[in-house]
Amino acid sequence: MPYVNIKVATPGPTPEEKARLIQGVTQLLYEVLGKPPSATSVVIDEVDPANWGVGGESLAAIRAKD
């Protein structure tokens, strides 16, 4: 029973993009591992950029530089 957790910084994907991610990951697990789609769970978490660090800085600080 696969469980996939996708984390993205806000602003996150659109509802349409989320649907494509869920479908695509589910299909990939079926194709690669033979796992039935009914057994696959996909969760998309949207994380505030202030709570996401890269290279010792928050993503919010990195984005503010751009």
Protein backbone atom coordinates (compact mmCIF):
# COMPACT_ATOMS: atom_id res chain seq x y z
CA MET A 1 0.00 0.00 0.00
CA PRO A 2 2.15 2.90 -1.26
CA TYR A 3 1.93 6.29 0.41
CA VAL A 4 3.51 9.25 -1.40
CA ASN A 5 3.85 12.65 0.24
CA ILE A 6 4.59 15.59 -2.07
CA LYS A 7 5.62 18.82 -0.38
CA VAL A 8 5.53 22.12 -2.25
CA ALA A 9 6.04 25.67 -1.08
CA THR A 10 3.13 28.07 -1.33
CA PRO A 11 1.82 29.29 -3.57
CA GLY A 12 1.29 25.71 -4.57
CA PRO A 13 0.03 24.04 -7.69
CA THR A 14 -3.43 24.74 -9.08
CA PRO A 15 -6.21 22.22 -8.47
CA GLU A 16 -5.71 20.95 -12.02
CA GLU A 17 -1.96 20.49 -11.45
CA LYS A 18 -2.65 18.66 -8.19
CA ALA A 19 -5.02 16.31 -9.97
CA ARG A 20 -2.35 15.60 -12.61
CA LEU A 21 0.28 14.97 -9.92
CA ILE A 22 -1.99 12.54 -8.08
CA GLN A 23 -2.90 10.71 -11.29
CA GLY A 24 0.68 10.65 -12.57
CA VAL A 25 2.24 9.37 -9.36
CA THR A 26 -0.47 6.74 -9.01
CA GLN A 27 0.07 5.59 -12.60
CA LEU A 28 3.85 5.50 -12.14
CA LEU A 29 3.58 3.27 -9.08
CA TYR A 30 1.31 0.97 -11.06
CA GLU A 31 3.70 0.83 -14.02
CA VAL A 32 6.92 0.43 -12.02
CA LEU A 33 5.80 -1.57 -8.99
CA GLY A 34 2.54 -3.10 -10.16
CA LYS A 35 0.65 -1.48 -7.30
CA PRO A 36 -3.07 -1.13 -7.98
CA PRO A 37 -4.30 2.47 -8.02
CA SER A 38 -6.89 1.63 -5.36
CA ALA A 39 -4.04 0.86 -2.94
CA THR A 40 -2.05 4.06 -3.58
CA SER A 41 -2.36 7.19 -1.45
CA VAL A 42 -0.93 10.54 -2.57
CA VAL A 43 -0.89 13.57 -0.27
CA ILE A 44 0.14 17.06 -1.34
CA ASP A 45 1.25 19.36 1.49
CA GLU A 46 1.63 23.07 0.88
CA VAL A 47 4.31 24.58 3.12
CA ASP A 48 4.71 28.25 3.98
CA PRO A 49 8.02 29.50 2.51
CA ALA A 50 9.04 30.79 5.95
CA ASN A 51 8.95 27.17 7.15
CA TRP A 52 11.10 25.76 4.32
CA GLY A 53 14.87 26.09 4.48
CA VAL A 54 17.39 25.71 1.67
CA GLY A 55 21.12 26.26 2.16
CA GLY A 56 20.68 27.73 5.61
CA GLU A 57 18.03 30.28 4.60
CA SER A 58 14.27 30.21 4.50
CA LEU A 59 12.69 30.00 1.10
CA ALA A 60 10.91 33.26 1.93
CA ALA A 61 14.28 35.01 2.35
CA ILE A 62 15.62 33.49 -0.86
CA ARG A 63 12.53 34.59 -2.79
CA ALA A 64 12.79 38.10 -1.34
CA LYS A 65 16.21 38.45 -2.99
CA ASP A 66 14.82 37.74 -6.46
